[in-house]
PDB file of all heavy atoms in Angstrom:
ATOM      1  N   LYS A   1       2.751 -19.566  -4.558  1.00  0.00           N
ATOM      2  CA  LYS A   1       1.715 -20.571  -4.290  1.00  0.00           C
ATOM      3  C   LYS A   1       0.408 -20.121  -4.910  1.00  0.00           C
ATOM      4  O   LYS A   1       0.163 -18.961  -5.144  1.00  0.00           O
ATOM      5  CB  LYS A   1       1.545 -20.823  -2.799  1.00  0.00           C
ATOM      6  CG  LYS A   1       2.841 -21.091  -2.014  1.00  0.00           C
ATOM      7  CD  LYS A   1       2.581 -21.133  -0.580  1.00  0.00           C
ATOM      8  CE  LYS A   1       3.852 -21.429   0.217  1.00  0.00           C
ATOM      9  NZ  LYS A   1       3.577 -21.443   1.679  1.00  0.00           N
ATOM     10  N   ALA A   2      -0.514 -21.067  -5.047  1.00  0.00           N
ATOM     11  CA  ALA A   2      -1.809 -20.741  -5.595  1.00  0.00           C
ATOM     12  C   ALA A   2      -2.500 -19.710  -4.743  1.00  0.00           C
ATOM     13  O   ALA A   2      -3.198 -18.808  -5.300  1.00  0.00           O
ATOM     14  CB  ALA A   2      -2.664 -22.012  -5.670  1.00  0.00           C
ATOM     15  N   GLU A   3      -2.340 -19.761  -3.409  1.00  0.00           N
ATOM     16  CA  GLU A   3      -2.972 -18.786  -2.521  1.00  0.00           C
ATOM     17  C   GLU A   3      -2.436 -17.382  -2.647  1.00  0.00           C
ATOM     18  O   GLU A   3      -2.961 -16.416  -2.068  1.00  0.00           O
ATOM     19  CB  GLU A   3      -2.918 -19.260  -1.099  1.00  0.00           C
ATOM     20  CG  GLU A   3      -1.513 -19.584  -0.599  1.00  0.00           C
ATOM     21  CD  GLU A   3      -1.223 -21.113  -0.663  1.00  0.00           C
ATOM     22  OE1 GLU A   3      -1.613 -21.736  -1.647  1.00  0.00           O
ATOM     23  OE2 GLU A   3      -0.679 -21.626   0.369  1.00  0.00           O
ATOM     24  N   ASP A   4      -1.307 -17.180  -3.380  1.00  0.00           N
ATOM     25  CA  ASP A   4      -0.784 -15.840  -3.666  1.00  0.00           C
ATOM     26  C   ASP A   4      -1.583 -15.166  -4.773  1.00  0.00           C
ATOM     27  O   ASP A   4      -1.331 -13.977  -5.023  1.00  0.00           O
ATOM     28  CB  ASP A   4       0.700 -15.927  -4.043  1.00  0.00           C
ATOM     29  CG  ASP A   4       1.537 -16.446  -2.936  1.00  0.00           C
ATOM     30  OD1 ASP A   4       1.316 -16.001  -1.775  1.00  0.00           O
ATOM     31  OD2 ASP A   4       2.478 -17.174  -3.173  1.00  0.00           O
ATOM     32  N   THR A   5      -2.500 -15.868  -5.429  1.00  0.00           N
ATOM     33  CA  THR A   5      -3.251 -15.248  -6.491  1.00  0.00           C
ATOM     34  C   THR A   5      -4.132 -14.121  -5.947  1.00  0.00           C
ATOM     35  O   THR A   5      -4.884 -14.330  -4.974  1.00  0.00           O
ATOM     36  CB  THR A   5      -4.183 -16.336  -7.139  1.00  0.00           C
ATOM     37  OG1 THR A   5      -3.355 -17.302  -7.746  1.00  0.00           O
ATOM     38  CG2 THR A   5      -5.060 -15.701  -8.203  1.00  0.00           C
ATOM     39  N   ALA A   6      -3.913 -12.931  -6.506  1.00  0.00           N
ATOM     40  CA  ALA A   6      -4.621 -11.770  -5.944  1.00  0.00           C
ATOM     41  C   ALA A   6      -4.313 -10.548  -6.851  1.00  0.00           C
ATOM     42  O   ALA A   6      -3.389 -10.652  -7.704  1.00  0.00           O
ATOM     43  CB  ALA A   6      -4.217 -11.439  -4.514  1.00  0.00           C
ATOM     44  N   MET A   7      -4.993  -9.510  -6.603  1.00  0.00           N
ATOM     45  CA  MET A   7      -4.651  -8.207  -7.162  1.00  0.00           C
ATOM     46  C   MET A   7      -3.672  -7.574  -6.169  1.00  0.00           C
ATOM     47  O   MET A   7      -3.951  -7.445  -4.971  1.00  0.00           O
ATOM     48  CB  MET A   7      -5.848  -7.315  -7.386  1.00  0.00           C
ATOM     49  CG  MET A   7      -5.518  -6.023  -8.107  1.00  0.00           C
ATOM     50  SD  MET A   7      -5.142  -6.224  -9.868  1.00  0.00           S
ATOM     51  CE  MET A   7      -6.802  -6.557 -10.495  1.00  0.00           C
ATOM     52  N   TYR A   8      -2.528  -7.117  -6.682  1.00  0.00           N
ATOM     53  CA  TYR A   8      -1.487  -6.531  -5.816  1.00  0.00           C
ATOM     54  C   TYR A   8      -1.428  -5.037  -6.028  1.00  0.00           C
ATOM     55  O   TYR A   8      -1.443  -4.575  -7.141  1.00  0.00           O
ATOM     56  CB  TYR A   8      -0.141  -7.158  -6.112  1.00  0.00           C
ATOM     57  CG  TYR A   8       0.012  -8.526  -5.533  1.00  0.00           C
ATOM     58  CD1 TYR A   8      -0.699  -9.601  -6.062  1.00  0.00           C
ATOM     59  CD2 TYR A   8       0.861  -8.752  -4.430  1.00  0.00           C
ATOM     60  CE1 TYR A   8      -0.565 -10.924  -5.536  1.00  0.00           C
ATOM     61  CE2 TYR A   8       0.976 -10.030  -3.911  1.00  0.00           C
ATOM     62  CZ  TYR A   8       0.266 -11.104  -4.475  1.00  0.00           C
ATOM     63  OH  TYR A   8       0.351 -12.338  -3.951  1.00  0.00           O
ATOM     64  N   TYR A   9      -1.367  -4.311  -4.944  1.00  0.00           N
ATOM     65  CA  TYR A   9      -1.318  -2.833  -4.914  1.00  0.00           C
ATOM     66  C   TYR A   9      -0.186  -2.335  -4.119  1.00  0.00           C
ATOM     67  O   TYR A   9       0.208  -2.905  -3.121  1.00  0.00           O
ATOM     68  CB  TYR A   9      -2.640  -2.279  -4.260  1.00  0.00           C
ATOM     69  CG  TYR A   9      -3.923  -2.753  -4.921  1.00  0.00           C
ATOM     70  CD1 TYR A   9      -4.523  -3.901  -4.499  1.00  0.00           C
ATOM     71  CD2 TYR A   9      -4.525  -1.998  -5.838  1.00  0.00           C
ATOM     72  CE1 TYR A   9      -5.769  -4.286  -5.042  1.00  0.00           C
ATOM     73  CE2 TYR A   9      -5.738  -2.324  -6.456  1.00  0.00           C
ATOM     74  CZ  TYR A   9      -6.343  -3.527  -6.014  1.00  0.00           C
ATOM     75  OH  TYR A   9      -7.557  -3.909  -6.581  1.00  0.00           O
ATOM     76  N   CYS A  10       0.400  -1.228  -4.579  1.00  0.00           N
ATOM     77  CA  CYS A  10       1.368  -0.549  -3.722  1.00  0.00           C
ATOM     78  C   CYS A  10       0.686   0.665  -3.173  1.00  0.00           C
ATOM     79  O   CYS A  10      -0.291   1.209  -3.690  1.00  0.00           O
ATOM     80  CB  CYS A  10       2.664  -0.217  -4.498  1.00  0.00           C
ATOM     81  SG  CYS A  10       2.506   0.927  -5.852  1.00  0.00           S
ATOM     82  N   ALA A  11       1.255   1.168  -2.096  1.00  0.00           N
ATOM     83  CA  ALA A  11       0.631   2.269  -1.401  1.00  0.00           C
ATOM     84  C   ALA A  11       1.721   3.203  -0.802  1.00  0.00           C
ATOM     85  O   ALA A  11       2.825   2.715  -0.442  1.00  0.00           O
ATOM     86  CB  ALA A  11      -0.293   1.783  -0.257  1.00  0.00           C
ATOM     87  N   ALA A  12       1.399   4.462  -0.760  1.00  0.00           N
ATOM     88  CA  ALA A  12       2.364   5.445  -0.226  1.00  0.00           C
ATOM     89  C   ALA A  12       1.583   6.574   0.481  1.00  0.00           C
ATOM     90  O   ALA A  12       0.378   6.578   0.530  1.00  0.00           O
ATOM     91  CB  ALA A  12       3.187   6.022  -1.366  1.00  0.00           C
ATOM     92  N   ARG A  13       2.328   7.508   0.965  1.00  0.00           N
ATOM     93  CA  ARG A  13       1.758   8.681   1.657  1.00  0.00           C
ATOM     94  C   ARG A  13       2.203   9.935   0.986  1.00  0.00           C
ATOM     95  O   ARG A  13       3.411  10.049   0.634  1.00  0.00           O
ATOM     96  CB  ARG A  13       2.224   8.695   3.108  1.00  0.00           C
ATOM     97  CG  ARG A  13       1.801   7.491   3.946  1.00  0.00           C
ATOM     98  CD  ARG A  13       2.590   7.432   5.250  1.00  0.00           C
ATOM     99  NE  ARG A  13       2.099   6.439   6.167  1.00  0.00           N
ATOM    100  CZ  ARG A  13       2.414   5.123   6.137  1.00  0.00           C
ATOM    101  NH1 ARG A  13       3.341   4.720   5.232  1.00  0.00           N
ATOM    102  NH2 ARG A  13       1.907   4.321   7.032  1.00  0.00           N
ATOM    103  N   ARG A  14       1.345  10.868   0.868  1.00  0.00           N
ATOM    104  CA  ARG A  14       1.703  12.243   0.457  1.00  0.00           C
ATOM    105  C   ARG A  14       2.598  12.884   1.504  1.00  0.00           C
ATOM    106  O   ARG A  14       3.461  13.704   1.185  1.00  0.00           O
ATOM    107  CB  ARG A  14       0.546  13.084   0.142  1.00  0.00           C
ATOM    108  CG  ARG A  14      -0.237  12.596  -1.095  1.00  0.00           C
ATOM    109  CD  ARG A  14      -1.359  13.627  -1.489  1.00  0.00           C
ATOM    110  NE  ARG A  14      -2.047  13.241  -2.717  1.00  0.00           N
ATOM    111  CZ  ARG A  14      -3.084  12.462  -2.781  1.00  0.00           C
ATOM    112  NH1 ARG A  14      -3.604  11.954  -1.680  1.00  0.00           N
ATOM    113  NH2 ARG A  14      -3.622  12.183  -3.949  1.00  0.00           N
ATOM    114  N   SER A  15       2.312  12.578   2.729  1.00  0.00           N
ATOM    115  CA  SER A  15       3.083  13.142   3.860  1.00  0.00           C
ATOM    116  C   SER A  15       4.394  12.428   3.994  1.00  0.00           C
ATOM    117  O   SER A  15       4.526  11.231   3.808  1.00  0.00           O
ATOM    118  CB  SER A  15       2.252  12.941   5.146  1.00  0.00           C
ATOM    119  OG  SER A  15       3.041  13.332   6.249  1.00  0.00           O
ATOM    120  N   PRO A  16       5.424  13.177   4.437  1.00  0.00           N
ATOM    121  CA  PRO A  16       6.726  12.554   4.755  1.00  0.00           C
ATOM    122  C   PRO A  16       6.755  11.850   6.084  1.00  0.00           C
ATOM    123  O   PRO A  16       7.706  11.170   6.433  1.00  0.00           O
ATOM    124  CB  PRO A  16       7.701  13.739   4.754  1.00  0.00           C
ATOM    125  CG  PRO A  16       6.852  14.919   5.160  1.00  0.00           C
ATOM    126  CD  PRO A  16       5.529  14.648   4.556  1.00  0.00           C
ATOM    127  N   PHE A  17       5.612  11.941   6.830  1.00  0.00           N
ATOM    128  CA  PHE A  17       5.580  11.349   8.155  1.00  0.00           C
ATOM    129  C   PHE A  17       4.916   9.981   8.036  1.00  0.00           C
ATOM    130  O   PHE A  17       3.772   9.825   7.623  1.00  0.00           O
ATOM    131  CB  PHE A  17       4.787  12.257   9.093  1.00  0.00           C
ATOM    132  CG  PHE A  17       5.417  13.603   9.261  1.00  0.00           C
ATOM    133  CD1 PHE A  17       4.909  14.718   8.662  1.00  0.00           C
ATOM    134  CD2 PHE A  17       6.570  13.732  10.014  1.00  0.00           C
ATOM    135  CE1 PHE A  17       5.457  15.950   8.805  1.00  0.00           C
ATOM    136  CE2 PHE A  17       7.164  14.970  10.174  1.00  0.00           C
ATOM    137  CZ  PHE A  17       6.607  16.116   9.585  1.00  0.00           C
ATOM    138  N   CYS A  18       5.642   8.996   8.552  1.00  0.00           N
ATOM    139  CA  CYS A  18       5.184   7.630   8.444  1.00  0.00           C
ATOM    140  C   CYS A  18       4.069   7.299   9.351  1.00  0.00           C
ATOM    141  O   CYS A  18       3.492   6.210   9.258  1.00  0.00           O
ATOM    142  CB  CYS A  18       6.404   6.673   8.662  1.00  0.00           C
ATOM    143  SG  CYS A  18       7.642   6.771   7.426  1.00  0.00           S
ATOM    144  N   GLY A  19       3.785   8.141  10.294  1.00  0.00           N
ATOM    145  CA  GLY A  19       2.644   7.887  11.201  1.00  0.00           C
ATOM    146  C   GLY A  19       1.315   8.129  10.588  1.00  0.00           C
ATOM    147  O   GLY A  19       0.273   7.753  11.188  1.00  0.00           O
ATOM    148  N   THR A  20       1.253   8.699   9.436  1.00  0.00           N
ATOM    149  CA  THR A  20      -0.017   8.939   8.735  1.00  0.00           C
ATOM    150  C   THR A  20      -0.444   7.759   7.969  1.00  0.00           C
ATOM    151  O   THR A  20       0.282   6.813   7.745  1.00  0.00           O
ATOM    152  CB  THR A  20       0.117  10.164   7.789  1.00  0.00           C
ATOM    153  OG1 THR A  20       1.108   9.868   6.803  1.00  0.00           O
ATOM    154  CG2 THR A  20       0.536  11.446   8.536  1.00  0.00           C
ATOM    155  N   GLN A  21      -1.745   7.779   7.565  1.00  0.00           N
ATOM    156  CA  GLN A  21      -2.281   6.672   6.820  1.00  0.00           C
ATOM    157  C   GLN A  21      -1.840   6.669   5.355  1.00  0.00           C
ATOM    158  O   GLN A  21      -1.532   7.737   4.816  1.00  0.00           O
ATOM    159  CB  GLN A  21      -3.827   6.694   6.874  1.00  0.00           C
ATOM    160  CG  GLN A  21      -4.374   6.532   8.258  1.00  0.00           C
ATOM    161  CD  GLN A  21      -4.099   5.214   8.818  1.00  0.00           C
ATOM    162  OE1 GLN A  21      -4.313   4.174   8.185  1.00  0.00           O
ATOM    163  NE2 GLN A  21      -3.623   5.180  10.096  1.00  0.00           N
ATOM    164  N   TYR A  22      -1.812   5.541   4.738  1.00  0.00           N
ATOM    165  CA  TYR A  22      -1.604   5.484   3.320  1.00  0.00           C
ATOM    166  C   TYR A  22      -2.760   6.226   2.633  1.00  0.00           C
ATOM    167  O   TYR A  22      -3.939   6.053   2.934  1.00  0.00           O
ATOM    168  CB  TYR A  22      -1.645   4.004   2.809  1.00  0.00           C
ATOM    169  CG  TYR A  22      -0.418   3.200   3.220  1.00  0.00           C
ATOM    170  CD1 TYR A  22      -0.552   2.114   4.041  1.00  0.00           C
ATOM    171  CD2 TYR A  22       0.822   3.488   2.688  1.00  0.00           C
ATOM    172  CE1 TYR A  22       0.538   1.314   4.426  1.00  0.00           C
ATOM    173  CE2 TYR A  22       1.911   2.742   2.994  1.00  0.00           C
ATOM    174  CZ  TYR A  22       1.771   1.641   3.870  1.00  0.00           C
ATOM    175  OH  TYR A  22       2.875   0.855   4.218  1.00  0.00           O
ATOM    176  N   ASN A  23      -2.392   7.060   1.717  1.00  0.00           N
ATOM    177  CA  ASN A  23      -3.398   7.845   0.957  1.00  0.00           C
ATOM    178  C   ASN A  23      -3.152   7.927  -0.522  1.00  0.00           C
ATOM    179  O   ASN A  23      -3.785   8.695  -1.201  1.00  0.00           O
ATOM    180  CB  ASN A  23      -3.698   9.211   1.569  1.00  0.00           C
ATOM    181  CG  ASN A  23      -2.403  10.058   1.601  1.00  0.00           C
ATOM    182  OD1 ASN A  23      -1.363   9.726   1.075  1.00  0.00           O
ATOM    183  ND2 ASN A  23      -2.555  11.190   2.355  1.00  0.00           N
ATOM    184  N   VAL A  24      -2.175   7.213  -1.014  1.00  0.00           N
ATOM    185  CA  VAL A  24      -1.882   7.096  -2.445  1.00  0.00           C
ATOM    186  C   VAL A  24      -1.815   5.664  -2.816  1.00  0.00           C
ATOM    187  O   VAL A  24      -1.033   4.905  -2.209  1.00  0.00           O
ATOM    188  CB  VAL A  24      -0.591   7.841  -2.858  1.00  0.00           C
ATOM    189  CG1 VAL A  24      -0.429   7.815  -4.355  1.00  0.00           C
ATOM    190  CG2 VAL A  24      -0.576   9.262  -2.369  1.00  0.00           C
ATOM    191  N   TRP A  25      -2.617   5.246  -3.753  1.00  0.00           N
ATOM    192  CA  TRP A  25      -2.683   3.840  -4.169  1.00  0.00           C
ATOM    193  C   TRP A  25      -2.543   3.658  -5.634  1.00  0.00           C
ATOM    194  O   TRP A  25      -2.976   4.532  -6.432  1.00  0.00           O
ATOM    195  CB  TRP A  25      -4.048   3.294  -3.756  1.00  0.00           C
ATOM    196  CG  TRP A  25      -4.271   3.233  -2.275  1.00  0.00           C
ATOM    197  CD1 TRP A  25      -4.694   4.259  -1.502  1.00  0.00           C
ATOM    198  CD2 TRP A  25      -4.052   2.116  -1.395  1.00  0.00           C
ATOM    199  NE1 TRP A  25      -4.738   3.876  -0.183  1.00  0.00           N
ATOM    200  CE2 TRP A  25      -4.374   2.567  -0.097  1.00  0.00           C
ATOM    201  CE3 TRP A  25      -3.607   0.822  -1.593  1.00  0.00           C
ATOM    202  CZ2 TRP A  25      -4.237   1.716   0.990  1.00  0.00           C
ATOM    203  CZ3 TRP A  25      -3.472  -0.023  -0.512  1.00  0.00           C
ATOM    204  CH2 TRP A  25      -3.850   0.430   0.762  1.00  0.00           C
TER     205      TRP A  25
END
């Protein structure tokens, strides 16, 4: 849809623990 227009980013963590914040973009 038109409202999907955006810049898209993926994100990950250096840590193997999913409770941490995203810190790789």
